[in-house]
Protein backbone atom coordinates (compact mmCIF):
# COMPACT_ATOMS: atom_id res chain seq x y z
CA MET A 1 95.89 -62.84 75.93
CA GLU A 2 95.95 -59.39 74.34
CA ALA A 3 97.23 -61.57 71.13
CA VAL A 4 94.80 -64.07 71.39
CA ASN A 5 91.82 -61.74 72.14
CA ASN A 6 92.76 -59.82 68.72
CA VAL A 7 93.17 -62.09 66.46
CA GLN A 8 88.96 -63.40 68.30
CA SER A 9 88.31 -59.71 67.02
CA LYS A 10 89.53 -59.99 63.57
CA LYS A 11 87.91 -62.97 63.25
CA LEU A 12 84.58 -61.61 64.60
CA ARG A 13 84.94 -58.82 62.02
CA LYS A 14 85.47 -61.02 59.09
CA GLU A 15 82.38 -63.34 60.11
CA LYS A 16 79.79 -59.21 60.07
CA VAL A 17 81.32 -58.55 56.85
CA ALA A 18 80.98 -62.06 55.49
CA ALA A 19 77.41 -62.89 56.74
CA PRO A 20 76.47 -59.75 54.79
CA LYS A 21 77.53 -60.72 51.52
CA GLY A 22 76.37 -63.94 52.03
CA ARG A 23 72.68 -62.93 52.78
CA ARG A 24 72.66 -60.69 49.48
CA TRP A 25 74.30 -63.42 47.80
CA ARG A 26 71.30 -65.88 48.76
CA LYS A 27 68.52 -63.49 48.21
CA PHE A 28 69.94 -62.57 44.53
CA LYS A 29 69.70 -66.37 43.83
CA GLU A 30 66.75 -66.22 45.41
CA ASN A 31 64.85 -63.65 43.70
CA SER A 32 67.13 -64.52 40.36
CA PRO A 33 63.54 -65.87 38.33
CA TYR A 34 61.97 -62.62 38.83
CA LEU A 35 65.30 -60.53 37.72
CA LEU A 36 65.22 -62.83 34.46
CA MET A 37 61.86 -61.74 33.87
CA ILE A 38 62.44 -57.85 34.33
CA LEU A 39 65.30 -57.97 32.57
CA PRO A 40 63.47 -57.50 28.70
CA ALA A 41 61.52 -54.60 30.42
CA VAL A 42 65.13 -53.01 31.38
CA LEU A 43 66.73 -53.40 28.39
CA VAL A 44 63.48 -51.90 26.41
CA VAL A 45 63.54 -48.80 28.69
CA PHE A 46 67.07 -48.29 28.17
CA LEU A 47 67.20 -48.99 24.37
CA PHE A 48 64.25 -46.61 23.54
CA ASN A 49 64.00 -44.20 26.86
CA TYR A 50 67.97 -43.88 27.44
CA LEU A 51 69.79 -44.58 24.31
CA PRO A 52 68.36 -41.72 22.75
CA ILE A 53 69.53 -38.91 25.09
CA TYR A 54 72.27 -39.42 23.48
CA GLY A 55 71.25 -37.49 20.29
CA ILE A 56 69.59 -34.47 22.68
CA LEU A 57 73.00 -33.27 21.57
CA ILE A 58 72.23 -32.30 18.38
CA ALA A 59 70.13 -28.64 20.03
CA PHE A 60 73.31 -27.55 20.15
CA GLN A 61 75.16 -27.83 17.01
CA ASP A 62 74.66 -26.51 13.33
CA PHE A 63 73.02 -29.81 12.61
CA MET A 64 72.41 -31.01 9.40
CA PRO A 65 70.40 -34.98 8.43
CA GLY A 66 73.41 -37.11 7.80
CA ASP A 67 75.78 -35.68 10.04
CA LYS A 68 77.51 -37.58 12.63
CA ILE A 69 76.50 -36.05 16.17
CA LEU A 70 79.81 -36.72 17.44
CA SER A 71 82.86 -36.12 14.83
CA ASP A 72 85.86 -33.58 14.02
CA SER A 73 84.03 -31.45 11.54
CA THR A 74 81.05 -30.78 14.35
CA ILE A 75 80.29 -27.68 14.48
CA TRP A 76 79.10 -26.26 18.21
CA VAL A 77 76.77 -22.88 18.60
CA GLY A 78 75.83 -23.47 21.66
CA PHE A 79 72.40 -22.16 22.88
CA GLN A 80 71.64 -20.95 19.24
CA ASN A 81 68.93 -22.66 18.54
CA PHE A 82 67.38 -22.13 22.07
CA GLU A 83 67.43 -18.63 21.09
CA ARG A 84 66.07 -18.79 17.65
CA PHE A 85 63.27 -21.07 19.04
CA PHE A 86 62.34 -18.78 21.52
CA THR A 87 62.68 -15.46 19.37
CA ASP A 88 60.49 -16.96 16.39
CA PRO A 89 57.16 -15.07 16.48
CA MET A 90 55.59 -18.53 15.97
CA PHE A 91 56.44 -19.19 18.95
CA TRP A 92 53.85 -18.19 21.57
CA PRO A 93 51.28 -19.94 18.97
CA LEU A 94 52.84 -23.19 18.93
CA MET A 95 52.78 -23.33 22.79
CA GLN A 96 49.02 -22.22 23.07
CA ASN A 97 48.11 -24.69 19.86
CA THR A 98 50.32 -27.13 22.45
CA PHE A 99 48.51 -26.57 25.79
CA LEU A 100 44.90 -26.33 24.26
CA ILE A 101 44.85 -29.75 22.61
CA CYS A 102 47.02 -31.26 25.70
CA ILE A 103 44.30 -29.82 28.08
CA PHE A 104 41.05 -30.16 26.03
CA GLY A 105 42.41 -33.16 25.36
CA PHE A 106 42.53 -34.47 28.77
CA ILE A 107 39.05 -32.45 29.77
CA ILE A 108 37.58 -34.95 27.38
CA GLY A 109 39.41 -38.40 27.18
CA PHE A 110 40.08 -38.74 31.16
CA PRO A 111 36.47 -39.13 32.42
CA LEU A 112 34.65 -40.05 28.96
CA PRO A 113 36.08 -43.70 29.44
CA ILE A 114 34.49 -43.52 32.66
CA ILE A 115 31.33 -42.29 31.80
CA VAL A 116 31.31 -44.60 28.88
CA ALA A 117 31.83 -47.95 31.55
CA LEU A 118 29.41 -46.54 33.92
CA MET A 119 26.51 -46.78 31.04
CA LEU A 120 27.72 -49.90 29.51
CA ASN A 121 27.81 -51.69 33.77
CA ALA A 122 24.15 -49.83 33.66
CA LEU A 123 22.78 -52.09 30.79
CA LYS A 124 19.65 -54.52 31.66
CA GLY A 125 20.72 -56.38 28.43
CA LYS A 126 24.28 -57.77 28.61
CA ARG A 127 24.30 -58.91 25.33
CA MET A 128 23.75 -56.07 23.85
CA ALA A 129 26.17 -54.16 26.41
CA LYS A 130 28.58 -56.31 25.00
CA VAL A 131 28.13 -55.52 21.12
CA ILE A 132 28.32 -51.97 21.84
CA GLN A 133 31.81 -52.87 23.92
CA THR A 134 33.05 -54.33 20.61
CA ILE A 135 31.72 -51.16 18.51
CA PHE A 136 33.40 -49.02 21.30
CA ASN A 137 36.74 -51.14 21.33
CA ALA A 138 37.20 -51.57 17.25
CA PRO A 139 38.52 -48.04 16.26
CA HIS A 140 41.84 -48.50 18.58
CA PHE A 141 42.95 -51.16 16.19
CA ILE A 142 42.57 -48.65 13.22
CA SER A 143 46.31 -47.37 12.52
CA LEU A 144 46.61 -43.68 12.58
CA VAL A 145 47.44 -43.91 8.47
CA VAL A 146 43.52 -45.48 8.36
CA LEU A 147 41.98 -43.06 10.43
CA VAL A 148 43.50 -39.67 8.99
CA GLY A 149 41.95 -41.62 5.86
CA MET A 150 38.43 -41.74 6.75
CA LEU A 151 39.00 -38.47 8.20
CA THR A 152 39.91 -37.07 4.42
CA LEU A 153 37.04 -38.55 2.77
CA PHE A 154 34.69 -37.63 5.90
CA PHE A 155 35.70 -33.40 6.28
CA GLY A 156 38.77 -33.18 3.16
CA ARG A 157 37.78 -30.46 0.54
CA TYR A 158 35.74 -32.95 -1.45
CA GLY A 159 34.89 -35.09 1.18
CA LEU A 160 31.32 -36.15 2.17
CA VAL A 161 30.59 -33.24 4.77
CA ASN A 162 32.01 -30.01 2.40
CA ASN A 163 29.84 -32.63 -0.78
CA ILE A 164 26.94 -32.36 0.90
CA ALA A 165 27.44 -28.78 2.04
CA ALA A 166 27.87 -27.86 -1.70
CA SER A 167 24.81 -29.46 -2.92
CA ILE A 168 22.55 -27.49 -0.76
CA GLY A 169 24.45 -24.16 -2.18
CA GLY A 170 26.92 -24.07 0.85
CA GLU A 171 30.58 -23.39 0.68
CA ARG A 172 33.13 -25.74 0.87
CA TYR A 173 35.06 -25.59 3.77
CA SER A 174 39.57 -26.44 5.05
CA TYR A 175 38.29 -28.16 7.50
CA PHE A 176 41.98 -29.97 7.81
CA LEU A 177 44.00 -26.31 7.05
CA GLU A 178 41.68 -23.87 9.70
CA SER A 179 42.91 -24.05 13.03
CA LYS A 180 39.20 -23.39 14.58
CA ALA A 181 37.85 -26.63 12.76
CA PHE A 182 41.29 -28.55 13.02
CA ARG A 183 42.18 -28.60 16.85
CA PRO A 184 38.59 -29.70 17.46
CA MET A 185 38.94 -32.39 15.45
CA TYR A 186 42.01 -33.86 16.24
CA ILE A 187 40.93 -33.49 19.73
CA LEU A 188 37.76 -35.67 18.92
CA SER A 189 39.27 -38.44 16.66
CA SER A 190 42.12 -38.98 18.88
CA ASN A 191 39.95 -39.46 21.84
CA TRP A 192 36.42 -41.91 19.34
CA GLN A 193 39.96 -43.89 18.92
CA ASP A 194 40.49 -44.84 22.32
CA PHE A 195 37.87 -43.95 24.88
CA GLY A 196 36.55 -47.69 24.38
CA TRP A 197 40.26 -49.48 24.70
CA SER A 198 40.64 -46.81 28.25
CA ALA A 199 36.80 -48.14 29.43
CA ILE A 200 38.33 -51.61 29.70
CA ILE A 201 40.06 -51.47 33.10
CA TYR A 202 36.87 -49.50 34.72
CA ILE A 203 34.42 -52.25 33.66
CA ALA A 204 36.92 -54.91 35.18
CA ALA A 205 36.78 -52.48 38.27
CA LEU A 206 33.00 -52.30 37.97
CA SER A 207 33.40 -56.68 38.01
CA ASN A 208 34.02 -56.70 41.50
CA VAL A 209 30.97 -54.83 43.09
CA ASP A 210 28.71 -57.14 45.12
CA PRO A 211 25.39 -57.24 43.40
CA GLN A 212 23.47 -57.55 46.83
CA GLN A 213 24.24 -53.67 47.12
CA HIS A 214 22.67 -52.68 44.08
CA GLU A 215 19.60 -55.26 45.14
CA ALA A 216 19.42 -53.59 48.70
CA ALA A 217 19.53 -50.22 46.73
CA ILE A 218 16.43 -51.32 44.68
CA LEU A 219 14.73 -52.92 47.87
CA ASP A 220 15.13 -49.77 49.49
CA GLY A 221 13.34 -47.99 46.21
CA ALA A 222 16.66 -46.32 44.41
CA THR A 223 16.50 -45.33 40.95
CA ARG A 224 19.61 -46.67 38.42
CA PHE A 225 21.18 -42.93 38.42
CA GLN A 226 21.22 -43.13 42.21
CA ARG A 227 22.75 -46.90 42.01
CA VAL A 228 25.17 -45.71 39.64
CA TRP A 229 26.34 -42.33 41.37
CA SER A 230 26.25 -43.94 45.04
CA ILE A 231 28.15 -47.60 44.82
CA ASP A 232 29.24 -48.18 40.84
CA LEU A 233 31.08 -44.54 41.44
CA PRO A 234 32.60 -45.20 44.46
CA ALA A 235 33.80 -48.96 44.13
CA ILE A 236 35.58 -47.26 40.83
CA MET A 237 37.50 -43.99 42.07
CA PRO A 238 40.66 -46.20 43.43
CA MET A 239 41.23 -46.90 40.00
CA ILE A 240 39.89 -43.66 39.01
CA SER A 241 42.81 -42.28 41.30
CA VAL A 242 45.24 -44.85 39.71
CA MET A 243 45.08 -43.64 36.28
CA LEU A 244 44.82 -39.95 37.08
CA ILE A 245 48.66 -40.26 38.69
CA MET A 246 49.59 -42.13 36.00
CA SER A 247 48.03 -40.38 33.04
CA ARG A 248 50.35 -37.37 34.24
CA PRO A 249 53.23 -38.26 32.78
CA THR A 250 51.80 -38.71 29.78
CA PHE A 251 50.14 -35.46 29.49
CA ILE A 252 53.72 -33.24 30.68
CA ASN A 253 55.51 -35.48 27.51
CA ALA A 254 52.64 -34.31 25.55
CA VAL A 255 53.41 -30.83 26.38
């Protein structure tokens, strides 16, 4: 009897072990289409986010462009490159400039698409709103090289702004060389290029607002600003929270 019980208990254990494996395999087969769909995204993340981590090794080497990252002639210097960077007199000005550009860029760039979306949604003429939205979206499709060329035409040493200033007796100003002028120009131009495109997601969220809420508010005597503040803004608040959370990694990477 004991031998029979031992055989039965062994069979039960094998069945218990085999059952989860079979269940896992069935789940894998059921989810295989979704796994194939996500496979390209995983490959892109691996190729462009994880594979380049290998290049971090050059931070600890006396590396010159053209050298192999790992070879017999590799010269390892430890933390000398970091020490040289942290003790450089330009370290703190560089850090200050980086933080100021990131912080002011975020302060201007995050609420601007929200304001634009609320303004476009509040316009009575929907055809005019679409035209303005198209104008706002157009800069997003301008390449960075073209954008810099436009800035040079307007704010270069012999650009439009300096030519006008010189024609009325003023002095030419180097907007690209002076830090006080370049920082605002960089922040404003980058936000000008992207704010219209970023507003699309808020405009889409505003399309879900029930028009009956606005009709009831109008009957109660609410002004347009009150309707935007009390109906439209709370409606997109969840989306604002999501976009704020999603913008944090971008802000950290920029720093």
